[in-house]
Amino acid sequence: MKKTIGRIDKADFPLFELYEIAVKIDTGAYTSSIHCKNVVEENGLLKCNFLDEEHPNYHGKEIIFKEYETAQVKSSNGIVQTRYKIKTKILLFDEEFDISLTLSDREEMKFPVLLGRTFLSKNFIVDTSLTNLSFKRKQKK
């Protein structure tokens, strides 16, 4: 059964040791993305840092991916970009989900993570009048 999620929330990314990260629910976006910096591909590995020094949950750890791919992503302004795409786990409503994320510099954006409809349509119904349903549930525990 699909869970109801609001227009924004906070999620955990346990494999990256990132917790209570603000996410924007965007049914207009096809893919999901996460803010990262210093993306470098070398010797068949992809290395990056998630978030940046301005973010309160930034920990500065370099994350290394052995498995990744590239994807063509059309941004909201209509420009097509080639981005790296990785697979990881996201924790919402005390449940772990598989998610594919494109890596993007979202420094100018209010939310470091955007959850798009490819991820949302499998698991959630969006109610734009609500906010932080998963995070509120977590706080009650």
N, C-alpha and C. Protein backbone atom coordinates (compact mmCIF):
# COMPACT_ATOMS: atom_id res chain seq x y z
N MET A 1 0.84 -1.19 0.00
CA MET A 1 0.00 0.00 0.00
C MET A 1 0.89 1.25 0.00
N LYS A 2 0.51 2.21 -0.80
CA LYS A 2 1.30 3.44 -0.91
C LYS A 2 1.04 4.34 0.30
N LYS A 3 2.11 5.00 0.73
CA LYS A 3 2.02 5.94 1.84
C LYS A 3 1.82 7.35 1.30
N THR A 4 1.18 8.20 2.08
CA THR A 4 1.01 9.59 1.70
C THR A 4 2.24 10.37 2.16
N ILE A 5 2.79 11.17 1.26
CA ILE A 5 3.93 12.03 1.58
C ILE A 5 3.54 13.46 1.21
N GLY A 6 4.04 14.41 1.96
CA GLY A 6 3.73 15.82 1.70
C GLY A 6 4.68 16.42 0.68
N ARG A 7 4.64 17.74 0.54
CA ARG A 7 5.44 18.42 -0.48
C ARG A 7 6.91 18.55 -0.10
N ILE A 8 7.22 18.46 1.18
CA ILE A 8 8.61 18.44 1.66
C ILE A 8 8.70 17.45 2.82
N ASP A 9 9.92 17.01 3.11
CA ASP A 9 10.12 16.09 4.23
C ASP A 9 11.60 16.07 4.57
N LYS A 10 11.97 15.19 5.48
CA LYS A 10 13.37 14.96 5.81
C LYS A 10 13.61 13.46 5.74
N ALA A 11 14.73 13.10 5.11
CA ALA A 11 15.03 11.68 4.89
C ALA A 11 16.44 11.37 5.34
N ASP A 12 16.69 10.09 5.58
CA ASP A 12 18.02 9.61 5.94
C ASP A 12 18.61 8.84 4.76
N PHE A 13 19.91 8.97 4.58
CA PHE A 13 20.66 8.21 3.59
C PHE A 13 21.75 7.47 4.35
N PRO A 14 21.40 6.31 4.94
CA PRO A 14 22.31 5.63 5.86
C PRO A 14 23.65 5.22 5.25
N LEU A 15 23.68 4.87 3.97
CA LEU A 15 24.95 4.46 3.36
C LEU A 15 25.93 5.62 3.22
N PHE A 16 25.40 6.85 3.25
CA PHE A 16 26.25 8.05 3.17
C PHE A 16 26.46 8.70 4.54
N GLU A 17 25.82 8.13 5.58
CA GLU A 17 25.85 8.69 6.92
C GLU A 17 25.30 10.12 6.92
N LEU A 18 24.23 10.32 6.17
CA LEU A 18 23.53 11.60 6.13
C LEU A 18 22.13 11.40 6.70
N TYR A 19 21.79 12.22 7.67
CA TYR A 19 20.52 12.05 8.38
C TYR A 19 19.75 13.36 8.43
N GLU A 20 18.42 13.22 8.38
CA GLU A 20 17.50 14.34 8.44
C GLU A 20 17.83 15.40 7.39
N ILE A 21 17.96 14.93 6.15
CA ILE A 21 18.27 15.80 5.03
C ILE A 21 16.95 16.28 4.41
N ALA A 22 16.84 17.58 4.21
CA ALA A 22 15.63 18.16 3.63
C ALA A 22 15.45 17.69 2.19
N VAL A 23 14.25 17.19 1.88
CA VAL A 23 13.92 16.74 0.54
C VAL A 23 12.68 17.47 0.04
N LYS A 24 12.71 17.79 -1.25
CA LYS A 24 11.55 18.40 -1.91
C LYS A 24 10.92 17.34 -2.78
N ILE A 25 9.61 17.19 -2.65
CA ILE A 25 8.86 16.23 -3.44
C ILE A 25 8.46 16.95 -4.73
N ASP A 26 8.87 16.40 -5.87
CA ASP A 26 8.64 17.09 -7.14
C ASP A 26 8.10 16.11 -8.18
N THR A 27 6.77 16.07 -8.31
CA THR A 27 6.16 15.15 -9.27
C THR A 27 6.41 15.59 -10.71
N GLY A 28 6.88 16.80 -10.90
CA GLY A 28 7.21 17.28 -12.24
C GLY A 28 8.58 16.80 -12.70
N ALA A 29 9.41 16.39 -11.76
CA ALA A 29 10.75 15.90 -12.09
C ALA A 29 10.68 14.40 -12.34
N TYR A 30 11.30 13.94 -13.40
CA TYR A 30 11.31 12.52 -13.71
C TYR A 30 12.27 11.77 -12.78
N THR A 31 13.47 12.32 -12.60
CA THR A 31 14.50 11.66 -11.79
C THR A 31 14.64 12.34 -10.43
N SER A 32 15.27 11.64 -9.51
CA SER A 32 15.61 12.20 -8.20
C SER A 32 17.07 12.62 -8.24
N SER A 33 17.41 13.64 -7.47
CA SER A 33 18.80 14.09 -7.47
C SER A 33 19.22 14.51 -6.07
N ILE A 34 20.54 14.52 -5.87
CA ILE A 34 21.13 14.92 -4.60
C ILE A 34 22.27 15.88 -4.87
N HIS A 35 22.41 16.85 -3.99
CA HIS A 35 23.46 17.85 -4.11
C HIS A 35 24.82 17.25 -3.76
N CYS A 36 25.78 17.46 -4.62
CA CYS A 36 27.13 16.99 -4.33
C CYS A 36 28.15 17.94 -4.93
N LYS A 37 29.36 17.83 -4.43
CA LYS A 37 30.47 18.68 -4.87
C LYS A 37 31.67 17.78 -5.18
N ASN A 38 32.63 18.34 -5.88
CA ASN A 38 33.91 17.68 -6.13
C ASN A 38 33.76 16.30 -6.76
N VAL A 39 32.91 16.21 -7.79
CA VAL A 39 32.69 14.93 -8.47
C VAL A 39 33.87 14.67 -9.40
N VAL A 40 34.52 13.52 -9.20
CA VAL A 40 35.68 13.15 -10.01
C VAL A 40 35.57 11.68 -10.38
N GLU A 41 35.81 11.39 -11.65
CA GLU A 41 35.85 10.01 -12.11
C GLU A 41 37.30 9.67 -12.42
N GLU A 42 37.83 8.64 -11.74
CA GLU A 42 39.21 8.25 -12.01
C GLU A 42 39.40 6.77 -11.71
N ASN A 43 40.13 6.11 -12.59
CA ASN A 43 40.44 4.69 -12.46
C ASN A 43 39.19 3.83 -12.27
N GLY A 44 38.12 4.16 -12.98
CA GLY A 44 36.89 3.37 -12.90
C GLY A 44 36.08 3.58 -11.64
N LEU A 45 36.43 4.61 -10.85
CA LEU A 45 35.70 4.93 -9.63
C LEU A 45 35.14 6.34 -9.73
N LEU A 46 34.02 6.55 -9.08
CA LEU A 46 33.42 7.88 -9.00
C LEU A 46 33.54 8.35 -7.56
N LYS A 47 34.11 9.54 -7.37
CA LYS A 47 34.31 10.08 -6.03
C LYS A 47 33.59 11.42 -5.93
N CYS A 48 33.00 11.68 -4.75
CA CYS A 48 32.34 12.96 -4.54
C CYS A 48 32.12 13.21 -3.05
N ASN A 49 31.73 14.44 -2.75
CA ASN A 49 31.31 14.83 -1.41
C ASN A 49 29.85 15.25 -1.50
N PHE A 50 29.04 14.75 -0.60
CA PHE A 50 27.65 15.16 -0.58
C PHE A 50 27.48 16.40 0.27
N LEU A 51 26.60 17.27 -0.20
CA LEU A 51 26.33 18.56 0.43
C LEU A 51 27.58 19.44 0.34
N ASP A 52 27.65 20.48 1.14
CA ASP A 52 28.81 21.35 1.14
C ASP A 52 28.95 21.97 2.52
N GLU A 53 30.00 22.73 2.71
CA GLU A 53 30.32 23.27 4.03
C GLU A 53 29.19 24.11 4.63
N GLU A 54 28.34 24.67 3.78
CA GLU A 54 27.24 25.52 4.26
C GLU A 54 26.11 24.71 4.87
N HIS A 55 26.05 23.43 4.57
CA HIS A 55 24.94 22.60 5.04
C HIS A 55 25.23 22.08 6.44
N PRO A 56 24.26 22.17 7.35
CA PRO A 56 24.51 21.74 8.74
C PRO A 56 24.85 20.25 8.90
N ASN A 57 24.45 19.41 7.96
CA ASN A 57 24.73 17.98 8.07
C ASN A 57 25.95 17.55 7.26
N TYR A 58 26.69 18.51 6.72
CA TYR A 58 27.88 18.21 5.93
C TYR A 58 28.93 17.55 6.82
N HIS A 59 29.51 16.43 6.36
CA HIS A 59 30.54 15.77 7.17
C HIS A 59 31.88 15.69 6.45
N GLY A 60 31.93 16.12 5.20
CA GLY A 60 33.20 16.21 4.49
C GLY A 60 33.77 14.90 4.00
N LYS A 61 33.10 13.79 4.27
CA LYS A 61 33.63 12.48 3.86
C LYS A 61 33.51 12.30 2.35
N GLU A 62 34.57 11.80 1.75
CA GLU A 62 34.51 11.48 0.34
C GLU A 62 33.82 10.13 0.19
N ILE A 63 32.84 10.08 -0.69
CA ILE A 63 32.11 8.84 -0.96
C ILE A 63 32.61 8.31 -2.30
N ILE A 64 32.87 7.01 -2.34
CA ILE A 64 33.41 6.39 -3.55
C ILE A 64 32.43 5.34 -4.06
N PHE A 65 32.14 5.41 -5.36
CA PHE A 65 31.23 4.46 -6.01
C PHE A 65 32.00 3.63 -7.02
N LYS A 66 31.82 2.31 -6.92
CA LYS A 66 32.36 1.41 -7.93
C LYS A 66 31.35 1.24 -9.06
N GLU A 67 30.07 1.34 -8.72
CA GLU A 67 29.01 1.19 -9.71
C GLU A 67 28.28 2.51 -9.88
N TYR A 68 28.23 2.96 -11.12
CA TYR A 68 27.54 4.20 -11.45
C TYR A 68 27.33 4.23 -12.95
N GLU A 69 26.52 5.14 -13.41
CA GLU A 69 26.30 5.30 -14.84
C GLU A 69 26.07 6.77 -15.12
N THR A 70 25.89 7.10 -16.38
CA THR A 70 25.53 8.48 -16.72
C THR A 70 24.12 8.48 -17.28
N ALA A 71 23.45 9.62 -17.13
CA ALA A 71 22.08 9.77 -17.60
C ALA A 71 21.92 11.16 -18.19
N GLN A 72 21.07 11.26 -19.19
CA GLN A 72 20.71 12.56 -19.76
C GLN A 72 19.51 13.08 -18.97
N VAL A 73 19.66 14.28 -18.40
CA VAL A 73 18.61 14.86 -17.57
C VAL A 73 18.26 16.24 -18.10
N LYS A 74 16.96 16.45 -18.32
CA LYS A 74 16.51 17.78 -18.75
C LYS A 74 16.12 18.57 -17.51
N SER A 75 16.81 19.66 -17.25
CA SER A 75 16.51 20.47 -16.06
C SER A 75 15.25 21.30 -16.29
N SER A 76 14.80 21.95 -15.24
CA SER A 76 13.56 22.72 -15.31
C SER A 76 13.63 23.85 -16.33
N ASN A 77 14.85 24.30 -16.65
CA ASN A 77 14.98 25.36 -17.65
C ASN A 77 15.09 24.81 -19.08
N GLY A 78 14.94 23.48 -19.23
CA GLY A 78 14.92 22.86 -20.55
C GLY A 78 16.27 22.43 -21.09
N ILE A 79 17.34 22.70 -20.36
CA ILE A 79 18.67 22.33 -20.81
C ILE A 79 18.96 20.88 -20.44
N VAL A 80 19.46 20.11 -21.41
CA VAL A 80 19.79 18.71 -21.18
C VAL A 80 21.24 18.62 -20.70
N GLN A 81 21.44 17.93 -19.58
CA GLN A 81 22.77 17.75 -19.00
C GLN A 81 23.07 16.25 -18.87
N THR A 82 24.34 15.91 -18.98
CA THR A 82 24.77 14.55 -18.66
C THR A 82 25.18 14.55 -17.20
N ARG A 83 24.58 13.66 -16.42
CA ARG A 83 24.89 13.58 -14.99
C ARG A 83 25.25 12.15 -14.62
N TYR A 84 26.04 12.04 -13.57
CA TYR A 84 26.30 10.72 -13.00
C TYR A 84 25.06 10.28 -12.24
N LYS A 85 24.83 8.97 -12.23
CA LYS A 85 23.66 8.41 -11.55
C LYS A 85 24.13 7.24 -10.70
N ILE A 86 23.71 7.24 -9.45
CA ILE A 86 24.12 6.19 -8.51
C ILE A 86 22.86 5.57 -7.88
N LYS A 87 23.04 4.41 -7.26
CA LYS A 87 21.95 3.75 -6.54
C LYS A 87 22.33 3.68 -5.07
N THR A 88 21.34 3.90 -4.22
CA THR A 88 21.58 3.86 -2.78
C THR A 88 20.26 3.53 -2.07
N LYS A 89 20.25 3.75 -0.76
CA LYS A 89 19.07 3.52 0.07
C LYS A 89 18.62 4.85 0.67
N ILE A 90 17.31 5.02 0.78
CA ILE A 90 16.73 6.18 1.45
C ILE A 90 15.78 5.66 2.52
N LEU A 91 15.77 6.33 3.66
CA LEU A 91 14.90 5.93 4.77
C LEU A 91 13.82 6.99 4.95
N LEU A 92 12.57 6.56 4.74
CA LEU A 92 11.39 7.39 4.94
C LEU A 92 10.34 6.54 5.65
N PHE A 93 9.64 7.12 6.60
CA PHE A 93 8.59 6.40 7.33
C PHE A 93 9.11 5.10 7.94
N ASP A 94 10.33 5.14 8.48
CA ASP A 94 10.97 3.98 9.11
C ASP A 94 11.10 2.80 8.16
N GLU A 95 11.13 3.06 6.88
CA GLU A 95 11.25 2.01 5.87
C GLU A 95 12.37 2.38 4.90
N GLU A 96 13.17 1.39 4.55
CA GLU A 96 14.27 1.62 3.63
C GLU A 96 13.82 1.31 2.20
N PHE A 97 14.11 2.23 1.29
CA PHE A 97 13.75 2.07 -0.11
C PHE A 97 15.01 2.17 -0.96
N ASP A 98 15.03 1.44 -2.08
CA ASP A 98 16.07 1.62 -3.08
C ASP A 98 15.75 2.88 -3.86
N ILE A 99 16.79 3.65 -4.20
CA ILE A 99 16.58 4.87 -4.97
C ILE A 99 17.78 5.11 -5.89
N SER A 100 17.48 5.58 -7.08
CA SER A 100 18.52 6.04 -8.00
C SER A 100 18.55 7.57 -7.92
N LEU A 101 19.73 8.12 -7.80
CA LEU A 101 19.90 9.57 -7.68
C LEU A 101 20.90 10.06 -8.71
N THR A 102 20.57 11.16 -9.37
CA THR A 102 21.57 11.80 -10.20
C THR A 102 22.34 12.77 -9.29
N LEU A 103 23.60 12.97 -9.60
CA LEU A 103 24.45 13.87 -8.81
C LEU A 103 24.43 15.24 -9.47
N SER A 104 24.11 16.25 -8.69
CA SER A 104 23.92 17.58 -9.24
C SER A 104 24.38 18.63 -8.24
N ASP A 105 24.91 19.72 -8.75
CA ASP A 105 25.25 20.85 -7.88
C ASP A 105 23.96 21.63 -7.64
N ARG A 106 23.39 21.44 -6.47
CA ARG A 106 22.14 22.11 -6.09
C ARG A 106 22.40 23.20 -5.06
N GLU A 107 23.60 23.74 -5.07
CA GLU A 107 24.02 24.73 -4.08
C GLU A 107 23.07 25.93 -4.02
N GLU A 108 22.56 26.33 -5.17
CA GLU A 108 21.67 27.50 -5.21
C GLU A 108 20.23 27.14 -4.86
N MET A 109 19.95 25.87 -4.66
CA MET A 109 18.59 25.42 -4.38
C MET A 109 18.36 25.33 -2.87
N LYS A 110 17.11 25.52 -2.47
CA LYS A 110 16.77 25.47 -1.05
C LYS A 110 16.89 24.05 -0.48
N PHE A 111 16.57 23.03 -1.32
CA PHE A 111 16.58 21.65 -0.86
C PHE A 111 17.72 20.88 -1.52
N PRO A 112 18.55 20.20 -0.73
CA PRO A 112 19.66 19.45 -1.31
C PRO A 112 19.24 18.18 -2.04
N VAL A 113 18.01 17.71 -1.81
CA VAL A 113 17.53 16.49 -2.46
C VAL A 113 16.17 16.76 -3.09
N LEU A 114 16.03 16.26 -4.30
CA LEU A 114 14.77 16.34 -5.03
C LEU A 114 14.32 14.92 -5.29
N LEU A 115 13.09 14.59 -4.87
CA LEU A 115 12.54 13.25 -5.13
C LEU A 115 11.56 13.35 -6.30
N GLY A 116 11.90 12.70 -7.40
CA GLY A 116 11.11 12.76 -8.61
C GLY A 116 10.12 11.62 -8.73
N ARG A 117 9.33 11.67 -9.78
CA ARG A 117 8.20 10.75 -9.91
C ARG A 117 8.59 9.30 -10.17
N THR A 118 9.78 9.03 -10.73
CA THR A 118 10.20 7.64 -10.91
C THR A 118 10.25 6.93 -9.56
N PHE A 119 10.78 7.60 -8.54
CA PHE A 119 10.83 7.04 -7.19
C PHE A 119 9.46 7.12 -6.52
N LEU A 120 8.82 8.26 -6.60
CA LEU A 120 7.57 8.49 -5.88
C LEU A 120 6.44 7.57 -6.34
N SER A 121 6.31 7.35 -7.64
CA SER A 121 5.15 6.62 -8.16
C SER A 121 5.09 5.17 -7.68
N LYS A 122 6.22 4.59 -7.32
CA LYS A 122 6.23 3.21 -6.83
C LYS A 122 5.74 3.10 -5.39
N ASN A 123 5.94 4.15 -4.61
CA ASN A 123 5.79 4.03 -3.16
C ASN A 123 4.85 5.02 -2.48
N PHE A 124 4.54 6.13 -3.15
CA PHE A 124 3.87 7.23 -2.45
C PHE A 124 2.75 7.87 -3.25
N ILE A 125 1.83 8.47 -2.50
CA ILE A 125 0.83 9.38 -3.02
C ILE A 125 1.18 10.74 -2.42
N VAL A 126 1.21 11.77 -3.24
CA VAL A 126 1.63 13.09 -2.78
C VAL A 126 0.42 13.96 -2.44
N ASP A 127 0.43 14.51 -1.22
CA ASP A 127 -0.58 15.49 -0.81
C ASP A 127 0.17 16.79 -0.55
N THR A 128 0.02 17.74 -1.45
CA THR A 128 0.80 18.99 -1.37
C THR A 128 0.39 19.89 -0.20
N SER A 129 -0.70 19.58 0.46
CA SER A 129 -1.11 20.39 1.61
C SER A 129 -0.39 19.96 2.89
N LEU A 130 0.39 18.88 2.83
CA LEU A 130 1.06 18.34 4.02
C LEU A 130 2.57 18.49 3.92
N THR A 131 3.23 18.49 5.09
CA THR A 131 4.70 18.57 5.13
C THR A 131 5.26 17.68 6.22
N ASN A 132 6.47 17.18 5.99
CA ASN A 132 7.27 16.47 6.99
C ASN A 132 6.57 15.29 7.67
N LEU A 133 5.77 14.55 6.94
CA LEU A 133 5.04 13.42 7.55
C LEU A 133 5.99 12.35 8.07
N SER A 134 7.00 11.99 7.30
CA SER A 134 7.95 10.98 7.74
C SER A 134 8.77 11.48 8.93
N PHE A 135 9.23 12.71 8.85
CA PHE A 135 10.05 13.29 9.92
C PHE A 135 9.26 13.40 11.22
N LYS A 136 8.01 13.83 11.15
CA LYS A 136 7.17 13.93 12.35
C LYS A 136 6.97 12.57 13.00
N ARG A 137 6.78 11.57 12.17
CA ARG A 137 6.63 10.20 12.69
C ARG A 137 7.91 9.75 13.40
N LYS A 138 9.05 10.07 12.83
CA LYS A 138 10.34 9.72 13.42
C LYS A 138 10.53 10.41 14.77
N GLN A 139 10.12 11.67 14.86
CA GLN A 139 10.29 12.44 16.10
C GLN A 139 9.43 11.90 17.24
N LYS A 140 8.31 11.29 16.92
CA LYS A 140 7.41 10.76 17.95
C LYS A 140 8.00 9.54 18.64
N LYS A 141 8.94 8.87 17.97
CA LYS A 141 9.51 7.64 18.55
C LYS A 141 10.52 7.93 19.61
